[in-house]
Amino acid sequence: MLSISNDQSVDIGDRIMAAAASCVRDLGVRRVTLAEIARRAGVSRPTVYRRWPDTGTILSALLTERVTGAWREVPARRPGRAGLVARIVEVAQQLREDDVIASVLRSAPEVAMVYITGRLGTSQQILIDQVADELRTAQADGSVRPGDVRQMSAMLLLITQSAIQSGPMVAPILDAHALAGELSHALNGYLAP
């Protein structure tokens, strides 16, 4: 269990998010309660309610932070298509290894399915916008084929999301290294001029 209640220097919102992550890892999504999040964060339930109206909203914010945080943590190291593909593949690897994301996929696949088949979530919208910006730049330097960057970005999301969610299923065939290599080939082939 995560013990963060003694560190008062950490922002309350950050403490609540860390506590929510701890709950998801330890209990699975279905057993997370607002009371347990508050207890682990060392705050009262009203303190949590002032920031988020319910557990579902907290979990949604947590997942958005995990996904967009992975994108922020992986900088673009090279310009153009090569840099963008490398960044996407590295972010996908981080998300495949993220213990909170893995717990959601394992303990509440129906929650994940909403964002896989039903609707775009906040983090997906953010990623589509950010990748579209990088695609626009890569088109300008000639390393990415012409096309609607938002449509292309959405397709990159679909390809990458599939590799993240289905990676464990094909692990006997594609270990993490091979999966990264094949994802890179797929993305490069899709984007090549």
N, C-alpha and C. Protein backbone atom coordinates (compact mmCIF):
# COMPACT_ATOMS: atom_id res chain seq x y z
N MET A 1 0.84 -1.18 0.00
CA MET A 1 0.00 0.00 0.00
C MET A 1 0.88 1.24 0.00
N LEU A 2 0.47 2.23 -0.72
CA LEU A 2 1.19 3.49 -0.81
C LEU A 2 0.94 4.31 0.43
N SER A 3 2.01 4.83 1.00
CA SER A 3 1.86 5.68 2.17
C SER A 3 2.29 7.09 1.80
N ILE A 4 1.31 7.93 1.60
CA ILE A 4 1.62 9.31 1.20
C ILE A 4 1.04 10.31 2.18
N SER A 5 0.30 9.82 3.15
CA SER A 5 -0.41 10.75 4.04
C SER A 5 0.53 11.56 4.92
N ASN A 6 1.75 11.08 5.12
CA ASN A 6 2.69 11.81 5.98
C ASN A 6 3.42 12.92 5.24
N ASP A 7 3.40 12.91 3.92
CA ASP A 7 4.13 13.91 3.15
C ASP A 7 3.20 15.07 2.82
N GLN A 8 3.15 16.04 3.69
CA GLN A 8 2.25 17.17 3.52
C GLN A 8 2.75 18.17 2.48
N SER A 9 4.00 18.00 2.01
CA SER A 9 4.53 18.92 1.00
C SER A 9 3.97 18.61 -0.39
N VAL A 10 3.40 17.43 -0.57
CA VAL A 10 2.83 17.05 -1.85
C VAL A 10 1.44 17.65 -1.98
N ASP A 11 1.14 18.24 -3.12
CA ASP A 11 -0.16 18.83 -3.40
C ASP A 11 -1.28 17.82 -3.09
N ILE A 12 -2.37 18.31 -2.51
CA ILE A 12 -3.48 17.42 -2.13
C ILE A 12 -4.02 16.68 -3.36
N GLY A 13 -4.18 17.36 -4.46
CA GLY A 13 -4.66 16.70 -5.67
C GLY A 13 -3.73 15.59 -6.11
N ASP A 14 -2.42 15.84 -6.02
CA ASP A 14 -1.44 14.81 -6.37
C ASP A 14 -1.51 13.64 -5.40
N ARG A 15 -1.72 13.94 -4.12
CA ARG A 15 -1.84 12.87 -3.12
C ARG A 15 -3.07 12.01 -3.40
N ILE A 16 -4.16 12.66 -3.79
CA ILE A 16 -5.38 11.92 -4.10
C ILE A 16 -5.16 11.05 -5.33
N MET A 17 -4.50 11.58 -6.35
CA MET A 17 -4.23 10.79 -7.55
C MET A 17 -3.31 9.60 -7.24
N ALA A 18 -2.30 9.84 -6.43
CA ALA A 18 -1.39 8.75 -6.04
C ALA A 18 -2.15 7.69 -5.24
N ALA A 19 -3.05 8.12 -4.38
CA ALA A 19 -3.86 7.18 -3.60
C ALA A 19 -4.79 6.39 -4.52
N ALA A 20 -5.38 7.05 -5.50
CA ALA A 20 -6.26 6.36 -6.45
C ALA A 20 -5.47 5.32 -7.23
N ALA A 21 -4.27 5.68 -7.66
CA ALA A 21 -3.42 4.72 -8.38
C ALA A 21 -3.11 3.51 -7.50
N SER A 22 -2.79 3.78 -6.25
CA SER A 22 -2.51 2.71 -5.30
C SER A 22 -3.72 1.79 -5.14
N CYS A 23 -4.90 2.36 -5.04
CA CYS A 23 -6.12 1.57 -4.91
C CYS A 23 -6.35 0.69 -6.14
N VAL A 24 -6.18 1.27 -7.33
CA VAL A 24 -6.38 0.51 -8.56
C VAL A 24 -5.41 -0.67 -8.62
N ARG A 25 -4.15 -0.41 -8.29
CA ARG A 25 -3.14 -1.49 -8.31
C ARG A 25 -3.47 -2.57 -7.30
N ASP A 26 -3.83 -2.17 -6.09
CA ASP A 26 -4.02 -3.12 -5.00
C ASP A 26 -5.37 -3.82 -5.00
N LEU A 27 -6.41 -3.10 -5.44
CA LEU A 27 -7.77 -3.61 -5.28
C LEU A 27 -8.47 -3.94 -6.60
N GLY A 28 -7.98 -3.40 -7.69
CA GLY A 28 -8.71 -3.51 -8.95
C GLY A 28 -9.75 -2.40 -9.01
N VAL A 29 -10.20 -2.07 -10.18
CA VAL A 29 -11.09 -0.93 -10.39
C VAL A 29 -12.40 -1.06 -9.63
N ARG A 30 -13.01 -2.22 -9.67
CA ARG A 30 -14.34 -2.39 -9.09
C ARG A 30 -14.39 -2.18 -7.58
N ARG A 31 -13.27 -2.39 -6.90
CA ARG A 31 -13.27 -2.30 -5.44
C ARG A 31 -12.74 -0.97 -4.91
N VAL A 32 -12.43 -0.05 -5.81
CA VAL A 32 -11.95 1.27 -5.39
C VAL A 32 -13.14 2.07 -4.87
N THR A 33 -12.96 2.66 -3.70
CA THR A 33 -14.00 3.52 -3.13
C THR A 33 -13.40 4.89 -2.84
N LEU A 34 -14.26 5.87 -2.82
CA LEU A 34 -13.82 7.21 -2.50
C LEU A 34 -13.27 7.26 -1.07
N ALA A 35 -13.89 6.52 -0.17
CA ALA A 35 -13.43 6.48 1.22
C ALA A 35 -12.01 5.92 1.31
N GLU A 36 -11.72 4.88 0.54
CA GLU A 36 -10.38 4.29 0.57
C GLU A 36 -9.36 5.22 -0.06
N ILE A 37 -9.75 5.90 -1.12
CA ILE A 37 -8.84 6.89 -1.74
C ILE A 37 -8.51 7.97 -0.72
N ALA A 38 -9.54 8.49 -0.05
CA ALA A 38 -9.33 9.54 0.95
C ALA A 38 -8.43 9.04 2.08
N ARG A 39 -8.68 7.83 2.55
CA ARG A 39 -7.87 7.26 3.63
C ARG A 39 -6.40 7.17 3.23
N ARG A 40 -6.16 6.65 2.04
CA ARG A 40 -4.77 6.49 1.58
C ARG A 40 -4.10 7.83 1.31
N ALA A 41 -4.88 8.82 0.93
CA ALA A 41 -4.32 10.15 0.67
C ALA A 41 -4.14 10.94 1.96
N GLY A 42 -4.74 10.47 3.05
CA GLY A 42 -4.64 11.17 4.33
C GLY A 42 -5.47 12.44 4.36
N VAL A 43 -6.62 12.41 3.66
CA VAL A 43 -7.52 13.56 3.63
C VAL A 43 -8.94 13.09 3.92
N SER A 44 -9.83 14.01 4.16
CA SER A 44 -11.22 13.66 4.41
C SER A 44 -11.95 13.42 3.09
N ARG A 45 -13.07 12.72 3.18
CA ARG A 45 -13.90 12.52 1.98
C ARG A 45 -14.39 13.85 1.41
N PRO A 46 -14.81 14.82 2.23
CA PRO A 46 -15.22 16.11 1.65
C PRO A 46 -14.08 16.79 0.86
N THR A 47 -12.84 16.59 1.31
CA THR A 47 -11.71 17.16 0.57
C THR A 47 -11.64 16.56 -0.83
N VAL A 48 -11.87 15.27 -0.92
CA VAL A 48 -11.87 14.61 -2.23
C VAL A 48 -13.06 15.10 -3.05
N TYR A 49 -14.24 15.16 -2.43
CA TYR A 49 -15.46 15.60 -3.13
C TYR A 49 -15.35 17.02 -3.67
N ARG A 50 -14.57 17.87 -3.01
CA ARG A 50 -14.40 19.24 -3.51
C ARG A 50 -13.68 19.26 -4.85
N ARG A 51 -12.91 18.22 -5.13
CA ARG A 51 -12.14 18.17 -6.37
C ARG A 51 -12.79 17.29 -7.44
N TRP A 52 -13.39 16.17 -7.01
CA TRP A 52 -14.02 15.22 -7.93
C TRP A 52 -15.34 14.78 -7.34
N PRO A 53 -16.40 14.72 -8.16
CA PRO A 53 -17.72 14.39 -7.62
C PRO A 53 -17.92 12.92 -7.24
N ASP A 54 -17.10 12.03 -7.82
CA ASP A 54 -17.29 10.61 -7.54
C ASP A 54 -16.03 9.82 -7.92
N THR A 55 -16.05 8.55 -7.58
CA THR A 55 -14.90 7.69 -7.83
C THR A 55 -14.63 7.55 -9.33
N GLY A 56 -15.70 7.44 -10.12
CA GLY A 56 -15.52 7.31 -11.56
C GLY A 56 -14.78 8.48 -12.17
N THR A 57 -15.06 9.67 -11.70
CA THR A 57 -14.39 10.87 -12.20
C THR A 57 -12.92 10.87 -11.79
N ILE A 58 -12.65 10.42 -10.59
CA ILE A 58 -11.25 10.32 -10.14
C ILE A 58 -10.50 9.33 -11.01
N LEU A 59 -11.09 8.17 -11.25
CA LEU A 59 -10.42 7.15 -12.07
C LEU A 59 -10.21 7.63 -13.50
N SER A 60 -11.18 8.35 -14.03
CA SER A 60 -11.03 8.91 -15.37
C SER A 60 -9.86 9.89 -15.42
N ALA A 61 -9.79 10.77 -14.41
CA ALA A 61 -8.68 11.73 -14.34
C ALA A 61 -7.34 11.01 -14.18
N LEU A 62 -7.33 9.94 -13.40
CA LEU A 62 -6.11 9.17 -13.21
C LEU A 62 -5.63 8.57 -14.52
N LEU A 63 -6.53 7.95 -15.26
CA LEU A 63 -6.15 7.34 -16.53
C LEU A 63 -5.70 8.39 -17.55
N THR A 64 -6.39 9.52 -17.57
CA THR A 64 -5.98 10.60 -18.48
C THR A 64 -4.57 11.05 -18.14
N GLU A 65 -4.30 11.20 -16.85
CA GLU A 65 -2.96 11.62 -16.43
C GLU A 65 -1.90 10.58 -16.79
N ARG A 66 -2.21 9.31 -16.62
CA ARG A 66 -1.23 8.26 -16.94
C ARG A 66 -0.90 8.28 -18.43
N VAL A 67 -1.92 8.38 -19.27
CA VAL A 67 -1.71 8.33 -20.72
C VAL A 67 -1.01 9.60 -21.21
N THR A 68 -1.53 10.76 -20.86
CA THR A 68 -0.91 12.00 -21.33
C THR A 68 0.45 12.21 -20.66
N GLY A 69 0.60 11.73 -19.44
CA GLY A 69 1.89 11.82 -18.76
C GLY A 69 2.96 11.02 -19.48
N ALA A 70 2.60 9.85 -20.00
CA ALA A 70 3.56 9.04 -20.76
C ALA A 70 4.01 9.81 -22.00
N TRP A 71 3.08 10.49 -22.66
CA TRP A 71 3.45 11.27 -23.85
C TRP A 71 4.40 12.40 -23.47
N ARG A 72 4.10 13.09 -22.37
CA ARG A 72 4.96 14.20 -21.94
C ARG A 72 6.35 13.72 -21.53
N GLU A 73 6.43 12.55 -20.94
CA GLU A 73 7.71 12.03 -20.45
C GLU A 73 8.65 11.59 -21.57
N VAL A 74 8.11 11.31 -22.74
CA VAL A 74 8.93 10.84 -23.85
C VAL A 74 9.08 12.00 -24.84
N PRO A 75 10.23 12.63 -24.84
CA PRO A 75 10.42 13.76 -25.75
C PRO A 75 10.64 13.31 -27.19
N ALA A 76 10.37 14.21 -28.11
CA ALA A 76 10.72 13.96 -29.51
C ALA A 76 12.22 14.12 -29.61
N ARG A 77 12.90 13.06 -29.97
CA ARG A 77 14.37 13.08 -30.00
C ARG A 77 14.93 13.39 -31.38
N ARG A 78 14.10 13.19 -32.40
CA ARG A 78 14.52 13.47 -33.77
C ARG A 78 13.36 14.13 -34.49
N PRO A 79 13.63 14.90 -35.49
CA PRO A 79 12.54 15.52 -36.25
C PRO A 79 11.92 14.52 -37.23
N GLY A 80 10.77 14.88 -37.74
CA GLY A 80 10.15 14.12 -38.82
C GLY A 80 9.56 12.79 -38.39
N ARG A 81 9.29 11.97 -39.42
CA ARG A 81 8.63 10.68 -39.23
C ARG A 81 9.40 9.78 -38.29
N ALA A 82 10.71 9.69 -38.45
CA ALA A 82 11.51 8.79 -37.61
C ALA A 82 11.37 9.13 -36.13
N GLY A 83 11.41 10.40 -35.83
CA GLY A 83 11.27 10.83 -34.44
C GLY A 83 9.88 10.58 -33.89
N LEU A 84 8.86 10.86 -34.70
CA LEU A 84 7.49 10.66 -34.26
C LEU A 84 7.21 9.18 -34.02
N VAL A 85 7.62 8.33 -34.95
CA VAL A 85 7.39 6.90 -34.79
C VAL A 85 8.12 6.38 -33.56
N ALA A 86 9.36 6.78 -33.38
CA ALA A 86 10.12 6.34 -32.20
C ALA A 86 9.42 6.77 -30.91
N ARG A 87 8.90 7.97 -30.91
CA ARG A 87 8.21 8.48 -29.72
C ARG A 87 6.94 7.68 -29.44
N ILE A 88 6.15 7.43 -30.47
CA ILE A 88 4.91 6.66 -30.29
C ILE A 88 5.21 5.26 -29.79
N VAL A 89 6.22 4.62 -30.36
CA VAL A 89 6.57 3.26 -29.94
C VAL A 89 7.04 3.25 -28.49
N GLU A 90 7.82 4.24 -28.09
CA GLU A 90 8.29 4.30 -26.71
C GLU A 90 7.14 4.58 -25.73
N VAL A 91 6.23 5.45 -26.11
CA VAL A 91 5.06 5.72 -25.27
C VAL A 91 4.21 4.45 -25.14
N ALA A 92 4.02 3.75 -26.24
CA ALA A 92 3.24 2.50 -26.20
C ALA A 92 3.88 1.50 -25.25
N GLN A 93 5.21 1.40 -25.29
CA GLN A 93 5.91 0.49 -24.39
C GLN A 93 5.69 0.90 -22.93
N GLN A 94 5.79 2.19 -22.65
CA GLN A 94 5.56 2.67 -21.28
C GLN A 94 4.15 2.33 -20.82
N LEU A 95 3.17 2.54 -21.69
CA LEU A 95 1.78 2.27 -21.31
C LEU A 95 1.53 0.77 -21.14
N ARG A 96 2.18 -0.06 -21.95
CA ARG A 96 2.04 -1.50 -21.79
C ARG A 96 2.62 -1.96 -20.45
N GLU A 97 3.62 -1.26 -19.95
CA GLU A 97 4.26 -1.62 -18.68
C GLU A 97 3.67 -0.89 -17.49
N ASP A 98 2.76 0.05 -17.71
CA ASP A 98 2.19 0.84 -16.62
C ASP A 98 1.28 -0.05 -15.77
N ASP A 99 1.57 -0.12 -14.48
CA ASP A 99 0.83 -1.01 -13.60
C ASP A 99 -0.63 -0.60 -13.41
N VAL A 100 -0.94 0.68 -13.48
CA VAL A 100 -2.32 1.13 -13.35
C VAL A 100 -3.11 0.77 -14.62
N ILE A 101 -2.55 1.04 -15.77
CA ILE A 101 -3.21 0.70 -17.04
C ILE A 101 -3.42 -0.81 -17.10
N ALA A 102 -2.41 -1.58 -16.75
CA ALA A 102 -2.52 -3.05 -16.76
C ALA A 102 -3.62 -3.51 -15.81
N SER A 103 -3.71 -2.89 -14.64
CA SER A 103 -4.75 -3.28 -13.69
C SER A 103 -6.13 -2.99 -14.23
N VAL A 104 -6.30 -1.87 -14.91
CA VAL A 104 -7.61 -1.54 -15.50
C VAL A 104 -7.96 -2.57 -16.58
N LEU A 105 -7.00 -2.86 -17.46
CA LEU A 105 -7.27 -3.83 -18.52
C LEU A 105 -7.60 -5.21 -17.96
N ARG A 106 -6.94 -5.56 -16.87
CA ARG A 106 -7.13 -6.88 -16.26
C ARG A 106 -8.39 -6.94 -15.39
N SER A 107 -8.60 -5.93 -14.55
CA SER A 107 -9.67 -6.01 -13.55
C SER A 107 -11.00 -5.42 -14.02
N ALA A 108 -10.97 -4.58 -15.03
CA ALA A 108 -12.21 -3.96 -15.52
C ALA A 108 -12.15 -3.74 -17.02
N PRO A 109 -12.05 -4.83 -17.78
CA PRO A 109 -11.94 -4.66 -19.23
C PRO A 109 -13.11 -3.89 -19.84
N GLU A 110 -14.27 -3.95 -19.19
CA GLU A 110 -15.43 -3.23 -19.72
C GLU A 110 -15.20 -1.72 -19.66
N VAL A 111 -14.44 -1.25 -18.69
CA VAL A 111 -14.10 0.18 -18.62
C VAL A 111 -13.20 0.55 -19.79
N ALA A 112 -12.19 -0.28 -20.03
CA ALA A 112 -11.28 -0.02 -21.15
C ALA A 112 -12.03 -0.09 -22.49
N MET A 113 -12.97 -1.03 -22.60
CA MET A 113 -13.69 -1.20 -23.87
C MET A 113 -14.48 0.04 -24.26
N VAL A 114 -14.94 0.81 -23.29
CA VAL A 114 -15.65 2.05 -23.62
C VAL A 114 -14.75 2.94 -24.46
N TYR A 115 -13.47 3.00 -24.10
CA TYR A 115 -12.53 3.88 -24.81
C TYR A 115 -11.85 3.20 -25.97
N ILE A 116 -12.06 1.91 -26.12
CA ILE A 116 -11.50 1.18 -27.25
C ILE A 116 -12.52 1.10 -28.38
N THR A 117 -13.79 0.92 -28.03
CA THR A 117 -14.80 0.73 -29.07
C THR A 117 -15.95 1.73 -29.05
N GLY A 118 -16.14 2.42 -27.91
CA GLY A 118 -17.34 3.23 -27.78
C GLY A 118 -17.18 4.71 -28.06
N ARG A 119 -16.15 5.32 -27.47
CA ARG A 119 -16.00 6.77 -27.65
C ARG A 119 -14.56 7.17 -27.37
N LEU A 120 -14.20 8.33 -27.87
CA LEU A 120 -12.87 8.87 -27.60
C LEU A 120 -12.88 9.51 -26.23
N GLY A 121 -11.88 9.17 -25.43
CA GLY A 121 -11.72 9.78 -24.13
C GLY A 121 -10.88 11.04 -24.22
N THR A 122 -10.77 11.73 -23.12
CA THR A 122 -9.99 12.97 -23.07
C THR A 122 -8.55 12.74 -23.48
N SER A 123 -7.93 11.70 -22.94
CA SER A 123 -6.52 11.45 -23.27
C SER A 123 -6.36 11.12 -24.74
N GLN A 124 -7.30 10.39 -25.31
CA GLN A 124 -7.21 10.07 -26.74
C GLN A 124 -7.33 11.33 -27.59
N GLN A 125 -8.25 12.23 -27.21
CA GLN A 125 -8.40 13.50 -27.95
C GLN A 125 -7.11 14.32 -27.86
N ILE A 126 -6.53 14.37 -26.68
CA ILE A 126 -5.28 15.12 -26.49
C ILE A 126 -4.18 14.54 -27.37
N LEU A 127 -4.05 13.21 -27.35
CA LEU A 127 -3.00 12.57 -28.16
C LEU A 127 -3.23 12.80 -29.65
N ILE A 128 -4.46 12.69 -30.09
CA ILE A 128 -4.75 12.94 -31.51
C ILE A 128 -4.32 14.35 -31.90
N ASP A 129 -4.63 15.33 -31.08
CA ASP A 129 -4.24 16.71 -31.37
C ASP A 129 -2.73 16.88 -31.39
N GLN A 130 -2.05 16.31 -30.41
CA GLN A 130 -0.60 16.48 -30.33
C GLN A 130 0.13 15.75 -31.46
N VAL A 131 -0.33 14.55 -31.78
CA VAL A 131 0.29 13.82 -32.89
C VAL A 131 0.00 14.53 -34.20
N ALA A 132 -1.20 15.08 -34.35
CA ALA A 132 -1.52 15.81 -35.58
C ALA A 132 -0.57 16.98 -35.79
N ASP A 133 -0.23 17.68 -34.71
CA ASP A 133 0.74 18.78 -34.82
C ASP A 133 2.08 18.27 -35.31
N GLU A 134 2.53 17.15 -34.77
CA GLU A 134 3.83 16.60 -35.20
C GLU A 134 3.76 16.07 -36.62
N LEU A 135 2.61 15.53 -37.01
CA LEU A 135 2.45 15.07 -38.39
C LEU A 135 2.54 16.23 -39.37
N ARG A 136 1.93 17.34 -39.01
CA ARG A 136 1.95 18.53 -39.85
C ARG A 136 3.40 18.97 -40.11
N THR A 137 4.19 18.98 -39.05
CA THR A 137 5.60 19.35 -39.17
C THR A 137 6.35 18.34 -40.04
N ALA A 138 6.07 17.05 -39.85
CA ALA A 138 6.74 16.01 -40.63
C ALA A 138 6.31 16.04 -42.09
N GLN A 139 5.07 16.43 -42.36
CA GLN A 139 4.65 16.60 -43.75
C GLN A 139 5.43 17.73 -44.40
N ALA A 140 5.65 18.80 -43.64
CA ALA A 140 6.37 19.96 -44.17
C ALA A 140 7.80 19.61 -44.54
N ASP A 141 8.42 18.68 -43.77
CA ASP A 141 9.80 18.30 -44.11
C ASP A 141 9.86 17.15 -45.11
N GLY A 142 8.69 16.66 -45.54
CA GLY A 142 8.63 15.63 -46.57
C GLY A 142 8.77 14.20 -46.07
N SER A 143 8.85 13.99 -44.77
CA SER A 143 9.06 12.63 -44.27
C SER A 143 7.75 11.87 -44.03
N VAL A 144 6.61 12.58 -44.10
CA VAL A 144 5.30 11.95 -43.95
C VAL A 144 4.47 12.28 -45.19
N ARG A 145 3.73 11.30 -45.66
CA ARG A 145 2.90 11.47 -46.85
C ARG A 145 1.85 12.55 -46.65
N PRO A 146 1.34 13.11 -47.74
CA PRO A 146 0.25 14.06 -47.62
C PRO A 146 -1.01 13.37 -47.08
N GLY A 147 -1.87 14.15 -46.48
CA GLY A 147 -3.14 13.63 -45.98
C GLY A 147 -3.65 14.48 -44.83
N ASP A 148 -4.87 14.23 -44.44
CA ASP A 148 -5.49 14.93 -43.33
C ASP A 148 -4.81 14.47 -42.04
N VAL A 149 -4.14 15.38 -41.36
CA VAL A 149 -3.35 14.98 -40.19
C VAL A 149 -4.20 14.47 -39.04
N ARG A 150 -5.40 14.96 -38.89
CA ARG A 150 -6.26 14.44 -37.80
C ARG A 150 -6.72 13.02 -38.11
N GLN A 151 -7.05 12.76 -39.37
CA GLN A 151 -7.43 11.40 -39.74
C GLN A 151 -6.25 10.44 -39.57
N MET A 152 -5.09 10.88 -40.00
CA MET A 152 -3.90 10.05 -39.87
C MET A 152 -3.57 9.82 -38.39
N SER A 153 -3.70 10.85 -37.60
CA SER A 153 -3.43 10.74 -36.17
C SER A 153 -4.39 9.77 -35.51
N ALA A 154 -5.66 9.81 -35.90
CA ALA A 154 -6.65 8.88 -35.36
C ALA A 154 -6.29 7.44 -35.73
N MET A 155 -5.81 7.24 -36.95
CA MET A 155 -5.42 5.89 -37.36
C MET A 155 -4.20 5.42 -36.58
N LEU A 156 -3.25 6.32 -36.34
CA LEU A 156 -2.09 5.96 -35.52
C LEU A 156 -2.53 5.55 -34.12
N LEU A 157 -3.53 6.26 -33.58
CA LEU A 157 -4.08 5.91 -32.27
C LEU A 157 -4.64 4.49 -32.30
N LEU A 158 -5.42 4.17 -33.33
CA LEU A 158 -6.03 2.84 -33.42
C LEU A 158 -4.97 1.73 -33.50
N ILE A 159 -3.97 1.94 -34.32
CA ILE A 159 -2.92 0.94 -34.48
C ILE A 159 -2.16 0.75 -33.16
N THR A 160 -1.78 1.85 -32.55
CA THR A 160 -0.98 1.80 -31.33
C THR A 160 -1.79 1.27 -30.16
N GLN A 161 -3.02 1.72 -30.04
CA GLN A 161 -3.89 1.25 -28.97
C GLN A 161 -4.06 -0.27 -29.05
N SER A 162 -4.20 -0.78 -30.26
CA SER A 162 -4.33 -2.22 -30.45
C SER A 162 -3.07 -2.95 -29.97
N ALA A 163 -1.92 -2.39 -30.28
CA ALA A 163 -0.66 -3.02 -29.84
C ALA A 163 -0.55 -3.01 -28.32
N ILE A 164 -1.02 -1.95 -27.70
CA ILE A 164 -0.95 -1.86 -26.23
C ILE A 164 -1.90 -2.88 -25.60
N GLN A 165 -3.14 -2.90 -26.02
CA GLN A 165 -4.12 -3.75 -25.37
C GLN A 165 -3.94 -5.22 -25.71
N SER A 166 -3.46 -5.53 -26.90
CA SER A 166 -3.35 -6.92 -27.32
C SER A 166 -1.94 -7.48 -27.19
N GLY A 167 -1.00 -6.66 -26.76
CA GLY A 167 0.37 -7.13 -26.60
C GLY A 167 0.50 -8.39 -25.77
N PRO A 168 -0.17 -8.47 -24.60
CA PRO A 168 -0.06 -9.69 -23.80
C PRO A 168 -0.56 -10.94 -24.52
N MET A 169 -1.56 -10.78 -25.36
CA MET A 169 -2.14 -11.92 -26.08
C MET A 169 -1.13 -12.55 -27.04
N VAL A 170 -0.30 -11.70 -27.66
CA VAL A 170 0.65 -12.21 -28.66
C VAL A 170 2.07 -12.31 -28.11
N ALA A 171 2.23 -12.15 -26.80
CA ALA A 171 3.57 -12.20 -26.19
C ALA A 171 4.35 -13.47 -26.52
N PRO A 172 3.71 -14.64 -26.65
CA PRO A 172 4.49 -15.82 -27.03
C PRO A 172 5.08 -15.72 -28.44
N ILE A 173 4.51 -14.88 -29.26
CA ILE A 173 4.99 -14.70 -30.64
C ILE A 173 5.85 -13.45 -30.74
N LEU A 174 5.38 -12.37 -30.12
CA LEU A 174 6.06 -11.08 -30.17
C LEU A 174 6.40 -10.64 -28.74
N ASP A 175 7.65 -10.85 -28.33
CA ASP A 175 8.03 -10.31 -27.02
C ASP A 175 8.06 -8.79 -27.12
N ALA A 176 8.35 -8.13 -26.03
CA ALA A 176 8.28 -6.67 -26.00
C ALA A 176 9.16 -6.03 -27.07
N HIS A 177 10.35 -6.55 -27.24
CA HIS A 177 11.28 -5.99 -28.24
C HIS A 177 10.74 -6.19 -29.66
N ALA A 178 10.26 -7.40 -29.95
CA ALA A 178 9.72 -7.69 -31.29
C ALA A 178 8.45 -6.88 -31.55
N LEU A 179 7.62 -6.75 -30.53
CA LEU A 179 6.39 -5.97 -30.69
C LEU A 179 6.73 -4.51 -31.02
N ALA A 180 7.70 -3.95 -30.32
CA ALA A 180 8.12 -2.57 -30.60
C ALA A 180 8.63 -2.45 -32.04
N GLY A 181 9.41 -3.42 -32.47
CA GLY A 181 9.93 -3.39 -33.83
C GLY A 181 8.85 -3.48 -34.88
N GLU A 182 7.89 -4.38 -34.67
CA GLU A 182 6.80 -4.53 -35.64
C GLU A 182 5.87 -3.32 -35.63
N LEU A 183 5.63 -2.76 -34.46
CA LEU A 183 4.83 -1.53 -34.39
C LEU A 183 5.52 -0.41 -35.15
N SER A 184 6.81 -0.31 -34.98
CA SER A 184 7.59 0.71 -35.69
C SER A 184 7.46 0.52 -37.21
N HIS A 185 7.58 -0.73 -37.68
CA HIS A 185 7.43 -1.00 -39.11
C HIS A 185 6.02 -0.62 -39.60
N ALA A 186 5.02 -0.97 -38.81
CA ALA A 186 3.64 -0.65 -39.20
C ALA A 186 3.43 0.86 -39.31
N LEU A 187 3.89 1.59 -38.30
CA LEU A 187 3.69 3.04 -38.29
C LEU A 187 4.49 3.71 -39.41
N ASN A 188 5.73 3.28 -39.59
CA ASN A 188 6.55 3.85 -40.66
C ASN A 188 5.93 3.58 -42.03
N GLY A 189 5.46 2.35 -42.25
CA GLY A 189 4.82 2.01 -43.52
C GLY A 189 3.57 2.84 -43.78
N TYR A 190 2.79 3.07 -42.75
CA TYR A 190 1.57 3.85 -42.88
C TYR A 190 1.86 5.31 -43.21
N LEU A 191 2.93 5.84 -42.63
CA LEU A 191 3.22 7.28 -42.77
C LEU A 191 4.14 7.62 -43.94
N ALA A 192 4.83 6.63 -44.49
CA ALA A 192 5.85 6.91 -45.51
C ALA A 192 5.26 7.60 -46.72
N PRO A 193 6.02 8.56 -47.29
CA PRO A 193 5.55 9.25 -48.50
C PRO A 193 5.45 8.30 -49.69
